[in-house]
């Protein structure tokens, strides 16, 4: 997952169209959740631009559907959104200021040290 500062993460989806059935339905489902899906050049790889909340919504929507060929995307997105940068963790806590350390760890699968560092950084920034 690549993230530019103050931007949404870019997740590469290798051989996206070859792995899924009903790709047009999946593309519209991703766009309904606010994600942006683009093809990388002329390759068969695609790129998903979405915030943490949008990725969570995409995972939930795909799990609610019963299309088996889409499950690889759930696995891929789950792995990718566990590798969040410090800036992404800060933006998550900014959107929900009352979040606890354990809740942040549960949502993002970060370590206790990372969660405490993020919350302490925002609390003592004032």
N, C-alpha and C. Protein backbone atom coordinates (compact mmCIF):
# COMPACT_ATOMS: atom_id res chain seq x y z
N UNK A 1 0.86 -1.17 0.00
CA UNK A 1 0.00 0.00 0.00
C UNK A 1 0.90 1.22 0.00
N UNK A 2 0.75 2.06 -0.98
CA UNK A 2 1.50 3.30 -1.07
C UNK A 2 0.59 4.45 -0.68
N UNK A 3 1.13 5.36 0.12
CA UNK A 3 0.33 6.50 0.56
C UNK A 3 1.17 7.76 0.42
N UNK A 4 0.67 8.71 -0.34
CA UNK A 4 1.29 10.03 -0.37
C UNK A 4 0.74 10.81 0.82
N UNK A 5 1.48 11.82 1.25
CA UNK A 5 1.04 12.57 2.41
C UNK A 5 -0.31 13.24 2.15
N UNK A 6 -1.24 13.11 3.08
CA UNK A 6 -2.59 13.68 3.01
C UNK A 6 -3.40 13.15 1.83
N UNK A 7 -3.12 11.96 1.37
CA UNK A 7 -3.88 11.37 0.28
C UNK A 7 -4.35 9.98 0.69
N UNK A 8 -5.24 9.45 -0.10
CA UNK A 8 -5.74 8.11 0.18
C UNK A 8 -4.72 7.09 -0.29
N UNK A 9 -4.70 5.93 0.34
CA UNK A 9 -3.73 4.91 -0.05
C UNK A 9 -4.05 4.31 -1.42
N UNK A 10 -3.01 3.92 -2.12
CA UNK A 10 -3.15 3.26 -3.40
C UNK A 10 -2.82 1.78 -3.21
N UNK A 11 -3.77 0.93 -3.52
CA UNK A 11 -3.58 -0.51 -3.37
C UNK A 11 -3.58 -1.12 -4.77
N UNK A 12 -2.50 -1.82 -5.10
CA UNK A 12 -2.40 -2.46 -6.40
C UNK A 12 -3.17 -3.78 -6.37
N UNK A 13 -3.97 -3.99 -7.40
CA UNK A 13 -4.75 -5.22 -7.53
C UNK A 13 -4.24 -5.98 -8.75
N UNK A 14 -3.33 -6.94 -8.54
CA UNK A 14 -2.75 -7.65 -9.68
C UNK A 14 -3.76 -8.55 -10.37
N UNK A 15 -3.77 -8.48 -11.71
CA UNK A 15 -4.64 -9.32 -12.55
C UNK A 15 -6.10 -9.27 -12.08
N UNK A 16 -6.58 -8.09 -11.79
CA UNK A 16 -7.91 -7.89 -11.22
C UNK A 16 -9.01 -8.54 -12.05
N UNK A 17 -9.07 -8.22 -13.34
CA UNK A 17 -10.16 -8.73 -14.18
C UNK A 17 -10.09 -10.23 -14.41
N UNK A 18 -8.91 -10.79 -14.37
CA UNK A 18 -8.76 -12.22 -14.59
C UNK A 18 -9.16 -13.05 -13.37
N UNK A 19 -9.15 -12.43 -12.21
CA UNK A 19 -9.44 -13.16 -10.97
C UNK A 19 -10.91 -13.15 -10.59
N UNK A 20 -11.68 -12.21 -11.12
CA UNK A 20 -13.07 -12.08 -10.67
C UNK A 20 -14.05 -12.37 -11.80
N UNK A 21 -15.19 -12.89 -11.42
CA UNK A 21 -16.32 -13.00 -12.32
C UNK A 21 -17.23 -11.80 -12.02
N UNK A 22 -18.02 -11.42 -12.97
CA UNK A 22 -18.93 -10.27 -12.81
C UNK A 22 -18.14 -9.02 -12.39
N UNK A 23 -17.08 -8.72 -13.14
CA UNK A 23 -16.21 -7.61 -12.78
C UNK A 23 -16.92 -6.26 -12.83
N UNK A 24 -17.86 -6.09 -13.74
CA UNK A 24 -18.56 -4.80 -13.82
C UNK A 24 -19.40 -4.55 -12.57
N UNK A 25 -19.98 -5.62 -12.02
CA UNK A 25 -20.76 -5.49 -10.79
C UNK A 25 -19.84 -5.14 -9.62
N UNK A 26 -18.68 -5.79 -9.57
CA UNK A 26 -17.71 -5.51 -8.51
C UNK A 26 -17.18 -4.09 -8.62
N UNK A 27 -16.91 -3.63 -9.82
CA UNK A 27 -16.43 -2.25 -10.01
C UNK A 27 -17.47 -1.25 -9.52
N UNK A 28 -18.73 -1.48 -9.85
CA UNK A 28 -19.77 -0.55 -9.39
C UNK A 28 -19.95 -0.61 -7.88
N UNK A 29 -19.79 -1.78 -7.29
CA UNK A 29 -19.87 -1.93 -5.83
C UNK A 29 -18.76 -1.13 -5.15
N UNK A 30 -17.56 -1.20 -5.71
CA UNK A 30 -16.42 -0.45 -5.17
C UNK A 30 -16.68 1.05 -5.29
N UNK A 31 -17.19 1.48 -6.43
CA UNK A 31 -17.45 2.90 -6.64
C UNK A 31 -18.59 3.40 -5.75
N UNK A 32 -19.57 2.56 -5.46
CA UNK A 32 -20.66 2.93 -4.55
C UNK A 32 -20.14 3.22 -3.15
N UNK A 33 -19.08 2.54 -2.76
CA UNK A 33 -18.50 2.74 -1.43
C UNK A 33 -17.55 3.94 -1.40
N UNK A 34 -17.34 4.57 -2.56
CA UNK A 34 -16.49 5.76 -2.61
C UNK A 34 -15.08 5.48 -3.08
N UNK A 35 -14.77 4.25 -3.42
CA UNK A 35 -13.43 3.91 -3.89
C UNK A 35 -13.26 4.28 -5.36
N UNK A 36 -12.04 4.54 -5.74
CA UNK A 36 -11.73 4.88 -7.13
C UNK A 36 -10.86 3.77 -7.69
N UNK A 37 -11.30 3.18 -8.78
CA UNK A 37 -10.62 2.05 -9.39
C UNK A 37 -10.09 2.46 -10.75
N UNK A 38 -8.77 2.31 -10.94
CA UNK A 38 -8.14 2.70 -12.20
C UNK A 38 -7.21 1.61 -12.69
N UNK A 39 -7.13 1.49 -14.00
CA UNK A 39 -6.20 0.55 -14.59
C UNK A 39 -4.82 1.19 -14.62
N UNK A 40 -3.77 0.42 -14.36
CA UNK A 40 -2.42 0.94 -14.37
C UNK A 40 -1.86 0.78 -15.79
N UNK A 41 -1.81 1.86 -16.51
CA UNK A 41 -1.28 1.84 -17.87
C UNK A 41 -2.03 0.86 -18.76
N UNK A 42 -1.28 0.07 -19.50
CA UNK A 42 -1.87 -0.93 -20.37
C UNK A 42 -1.73 -2.33 -19.78
N UNK A 43 -1.34 -2.41 -18.53
CA UNK A 43 -1.15 -3.71 -17.89
C UNK A 43 -2.49 -4.30 -17.46
N UNK A 44 -2.44 -5.50 -16.94
CA UNK A 44 -3.67 -6.12 -16.42
C UNK A 44 -3.89 -5.79 -14.95
N UNK A 45 -2.99 -5.02 -14.39
CA UNK A 45 -3.10 -4.63 -12.99
C UNK A 45 -3.96 -3.38 -12.84
N UNK A 46 -4.67 -3.32 -11.73
CA UNK A 46 -5.52 -2.18 -11.42
C UNK A 46 -5.07 -1.59 -10.11
N UNK A 47 -5.56 -0.39 -9.82
CA UNK A 47 -5.20 0.31 -8.59
C UNK A 47 -6.46 0.83 -7.92
N UNK A 48 -6.56 0.61 -6.63
CA UNK A 48 -7.69 1.08 -5.84
C UNK A 48 -7.23 2.23 -4.96
N UNK A 49 -7.91 3.36 -5.07
CA UNK A 49 -7.67 4.52 -4.20
C UNK A 49 -8.87 4.65 -3.29
N UNK A 50 -8.66 4.46 -2.00
CA UNK A 50 -9.77 4.53 -1.04
C UNK A 50 -9.22 4.84 0.34
N UNK A 51 -10.02 5.51 1.13
CA UNK A 51 -9.64 5.78 2.52
C UNK A 51 -9.85 4.52 3.35
N UNK A 52 -9.40 4.56 4.58
CA UNK A 52 -9.52 3.41 5.47
C UNK A 52 -10.98 3.01 5.64
N UNK A 53 -11.85 4.00 5.84
CA UNK A 53 -13.27 3.73 6.03
C UNK A 53 -13.89 3.15 4.77
N UNK A 54 -13.47 3.65 3.62
CA UNK A 54 -13.99 3.12 2.36
C UNK A 54 -13.54 1.68 2.14
N UNK A 55 -12.30 1.38 2.50
CA UNK A 55 -11.80 0.01 2.38
C UNK A 55 -12.61 -0.92 3.28
N UNK A 56 -12.88 -0.47 4.51
CA UNK A 56 -13.71 -1.27 5.41
C UNK A 56 -15.10 -1.51 4.82
N UNK A 57 -15.69 -0.47 4.21
CA UNK A 57 -17.02 -0.60 3.60
C UNK A 57 -16.99 -1.54 2.40
N UNK A 58 -15.92 -1.48 1.62
CA UNK A 58 -15.78 -2.38 0.46
C UNK A 58 -15.67 -3.81 0.93
N UNK A 59 -14.88 -4.07 1.95
CA UNK A 59 -14.72 -5.43 2.49
C UNK A 59 -16.06 -5.95 2.99
N UNK A 60 -16.80 -5.11 3.72
CA UNK A 60 -18.10 -5.52 4.25
C UNK A 60 -19.09 -5.82 3.12
N UNK A 61 -19.10 -4.98 2.09
CA UNK A 61 -20.03 -5.18 0.97
C UNK A 61 -19.70 -6.45 0.20
N UNK A 62 -18.41 -6.73 0.00
CA UNK A 62 -18.02 -7.94 -0.72
C UNK A 62 -18.36 -9.17 0.10
N UNK A 63 -18.13 -9.11 1.41
CA UNK A 63 -18.46 -10.25 2.27
C UNK A 63 -19.96 -10.50 2.29
N UNK A 64 -20.76 -9.43 2.17
CA UNK A 64 -22.23 -9.58 2.16
C UNK A 64 -22.70 -10.23 0.86
N UNK A 65 -21.96 -10.00 -0.22
CA UNK A 65 -22.33 -10.67 -1.48
C UNK A 65 -21.87 -12.13 -1.37
N UNK A 66 -22.43 -12.96 -2.19
CA UNK A 66 -22.08 -14.37 -2.09
C UNK A 66 -21.26 -14.82 -3.29
N UNK A 67 -20.57 -13.88 -3.94
CA UNK A 67 -19.74 -14.21 -5.09
C UNK A 67 -18.38 -14.73 -4.60
N UNK A 68 -18.11 -15.98 -4.86
CA UNK A 68 -16.88 -16.61 -4.37
C UNK A 68 -15.62 -16.04 -5.01
N UNK A 69 -15.70 -15.61 -6.27
CA UNK A 69 -14.50 -15.12 -6.95
C UNK A 69 -14.03 -13.78 -6.40
N UNK A 70 -14.85 -13.10 -5.62
CA UNK A 70 -14.47 -11.82 -5.05
C UNK A 70 -13.74 -11.96 -3.71
N UNK A 71 -13.73 -13.14 -3.15
CA UNK A 71 -13.15 -13.32 -1.82
C UNK A 71 -11.65 -13.08 -1.78
N UNK A 72 -10.96 -13.31 -2.92
CA UNK A 72 -9.52 -13.00 -2.94
C UNK A 72 -9.29 -11.52 -2.69
N UNK A 73 -10.22 -10.67 -3.16
CA UNK A 73 -10.09 -9.23 -2.95
C UNK A 73 -10.24 -8.88 -1.47
N UNK A 74 -11.14 -9.56 -0.79
CA UNK A 74 -11.29 -9.34 0.66
C UNK A 74 -9.98 -9.67 1.37
N UNK A 75 -9.40 -10.81 1.02
CA UNK A 75 -8.13 -11.23 1.63
C UNK A 75 -7.02 -10.22 1.31
N UNK A 76 -6.94 -9.80 0.07
CA UNK A 76 -5.91 -8.86 -0.36
C UNK A 76 -6.06 -7.51 0.34
N UNK A 77 -7.28 -7.00 0.40
CA UNK A 77 -7.52 -5.71 1.05
C UNK A 77 -7.28 -5.79 2.56
N UNK A 78 -7.64 -6.91 3.17
CA UNK A 78 -7.42 -7.08 4.61
C UNK A 78 -5.93 -7.04 4.93
N UNK A 79 -5.13 -7.70 4.10
CA UNK A 79 -3.67 -7.69 4.31
C UNK A 79 -3.12 -6.29 4.13
N UNK A 80 -3.59 -5.60 3.10
CA UNK A 80 -3.07 -4.27 2.79
C UNK A 80 -3.47 -3.23 3.83
N UNK A 81 -4.68 -3.31 4.33
CA UNK A 81 -5.11 -2.25 5.25
C UNK A 81 -4.61 -2.50 6.66
N UNK A 82 -3.92 -3.63 6.88
CA UNK A 82 -3.25 -3.85 8.16
C UNK A 82 -1.89 -3.17 8.18
N UNK A 83 -1.38 -2.81 7.03
CA UNK A 83 -0.07 -2.16 6.92
C UNK A 83 -0.25 -0.65 6.79
N UNK A 84 -0.90 -0.05 7.76
CA UNK A 84 -1.18 1.38 7.70
C UNK A 84 0.02 2.19 8.17
N UNK A 85 0.23 3.31 7.53
CA UNK A 85 1.30 4.20 7.93
C UNK A 85 0.88 5.00 9.16
N UNK A 86 1.84 5.66 9.77
CA UNK A 86 1.57 6.50 10.95
C UNK A 86 0.59 7.60 10.60
N UNK A 87 0.74 8.21 9.41
CA UNK A 87 -0.14 9.29 8.98
C UNK A 87 -1.58 8.80 8.82
N UNK A 88 -1.74 7.57 8.30
CA UNK A 88 -3.09 7.02 8.15
C UNK A 88 -3.72 6.77 9.52
N UNK A 89 -2.94 6.27 10.47
CA UNK A 89 -3.46 6.05 11.83
C UNK A 89 -3.88 7.37 12.46
N UNK A 90 -3.09 8.40 12.24
CA UNK A 90 -3.44 9.73 12.78
C UNK A 90 -4.74 10.23 12.15
N UNK A 91 -4.92 10.03 10.86
CA UNK A 91 -6.16 10.50 10.22
C UNK A 91 -7.37 9.73 10.73
N UNK A 92 -7.21 8.46 11.07
CA UNK A 92 -8.30 7.67 11.63
C UNK A 92 -8.68 8.21 13.00
N UNK A 93 -7.68 8.51 13.82
CA UNK A 93 -7.95 9.03 15.17
C UNK A 93 -8.50 10.45 15.08
N UNK A 94 -8.06 11.23 14.10
CA UNK A 94 -8.60 12.59 13.91
C UNK A 94 -10.10 12.56 13.64
N UNK A 95 -10.54 11.56 12.87
CA UNK A 95 -11.96 11.46 12.53
C UNK A 95 -12.80 10.97 13.69
N UNK A 96 -12.17 10.27 14.64
CA UNK A 96 -12.89 9.77 15.81
C UNK A 96 -12.04 10.05 17.05
N UNK A 97 -12.12 11.28 17.58
CA UNK A 97 -11.24 11.69 18.68
C UNK A 97 -11.38 10.88 19.97
N UNK A 98 -12.51 10.31 20.23
CA UNK A 98 -12.71 9.58 21.47
C UNK A 98 -12.31 8.11 21.40
N UNK A 99 -11.59 7.72 20.38
CA UNK A 99 -11.23 6.31 20.20
C UNK A 99 -10.23 5.88 21.28
N UNK A 100 -10.40 4.68 21.75
CA UNK A 100 -9.49 4.14 22.76
C UNK A 100 -8.35 3.37 22.09
N UNK A 101 -7.33 3.08 22.85
CA UNK A 101 -6.19 2.32 22.33
C UNK A 101 -6.65 0.95 21.84
N UNK A 102 -7.45 0.27 22.64
CA UNK A 102 -7.89 -1.07 22.25
C UNK A 102 -8.80 -1.04 21.02
N UNK A 103 -9.65 -0.02 20.90
CA UNK A 103 -10.52 0.09 19.74
C UNK A 103 -9.70 0.36 18.47
N UNK A 104 -8.69 1.21 18.59
CA UNK A 104 -7.82 1.50 17.46
C UNK A 104 -7.06 0.23 17.04
N UNK A 105 -6.60 -0.52 18.01
CA UNK A 105 -5.89 -1.77 17.71
C UNK A 105 -6.83 -2.77 17.03
N UNK A 106 -8.06 -2.84 17.48
CA UNK A 106 -9.02 -3.76 16.90
C UNK A 106 -9.38 -3.39 15.46
N UNK A 107 -9.59 -2.10 15.22
CA UNK A 107 -9.96 -1.65 13.87
C UNK A 107 -8.83 -1.75 12.87
N UNK A 108 -7.60 -1.44 13.29
CA UNK A 108 -6.50 -1.33 12.34
C UNK A 108 -5.48 -2.46 12.43
N UNK A 109 -5.57 -3.28 13.45
CA UNK A 109 -4.62 -4.37 13.67
C UNK A 109 -3.20 -3.85 13.86
N UNK A 110 -3.09 -2.65 14.46
CA UNK A 110 -1.77 -2.10 14.76
C UNK A 110 -1.34 -2.61 16.14
N UNK A 111 -0.10 -2.38 16.49
CA UNK A 111 0.41 -2.82 17.79
C UNK A 111 -0.02 -1.83 18.86
N UNK A 112 0.11 -2.23 20.11
CA UNK A 112 -0.26 -1.35 21.21
C UNK A 112 0.67 -0.13 21.25
N UNK A 113 1.93 -0.33 20.91
CA UNK A 113 2.88 0.78 20.90
C UNK A 113 2.51 1.81 19.84
N UNK A 114 2.12 1.33 18.65
CA UNK A 114 1.71 2.25 17.58
C UNK A 114 0.46 3.01 17.97
N UNK A 115 -0.51 2.32 18.55
CA UNK A 115 -1.76 2.96 18.96
C UNK A 115 -1.52 4.02 20.03
N UNK A 116 -0.71 3.69 21.01
CA UNK A 116 -0.41 4.67 22.07
C UNK A 116 0.34 5.86 21.52
N UNK A 117 1.28 5.61 20.61
CA UNK A 117 2.06 6.70 20.03
C UNK A 117 1.16 7.66 19.26
N UNK A 118 0.22 7.12 18.48
CA UNK A 118 -0.69 7.95 17.69
C UNK A 118 -1.58 8.78 18.61
N UNK A 119 -2.18 8.15 19.58
CA UNK A 119 -3.09 8.86 20.49
C UNK A 119 -2.33 9.89 21.31
N UNK A 120 -1.14 9.54 21.80
CA UNK A 120 -0.34 10.50 22.56
C UNK A 120 0.08 11.68 21.70
N UNK A 121 0.43 11.42 20.46
CA UNK A 121 0.83 12.50 19.55
C UNK A 121 -0.30 13.50 19.37
N UNK A 122 -1.51 13.00 19.20
CA UNK A 122 -2.64 13.92 19.01
C UNK A 122 -3.05 14.61 20.31
N UNK A 123 -2.97 13.91 21.44
CA UNK A 123 -3.38 14.52 22.71
C UNK A 123 -2.42 15.61 23.14
N UNK A 124 -1.13 15.40 22.89
CA UNK A 124 -0.13 16.36 23.35
C UNK A 124 0.28 17.36 22.28
N UNK A 125 -0.41 17.35 21.15
CA UNK A 125 -0.10 18.29 20.07
C UNK A 125 -0.62 19.69 20.37
N UNK A 126 -1.59 19.80 21.25
CA UNK A 126 -2.20 21.11 21.55
C UNK A 126 -1.30 22.02 22.30
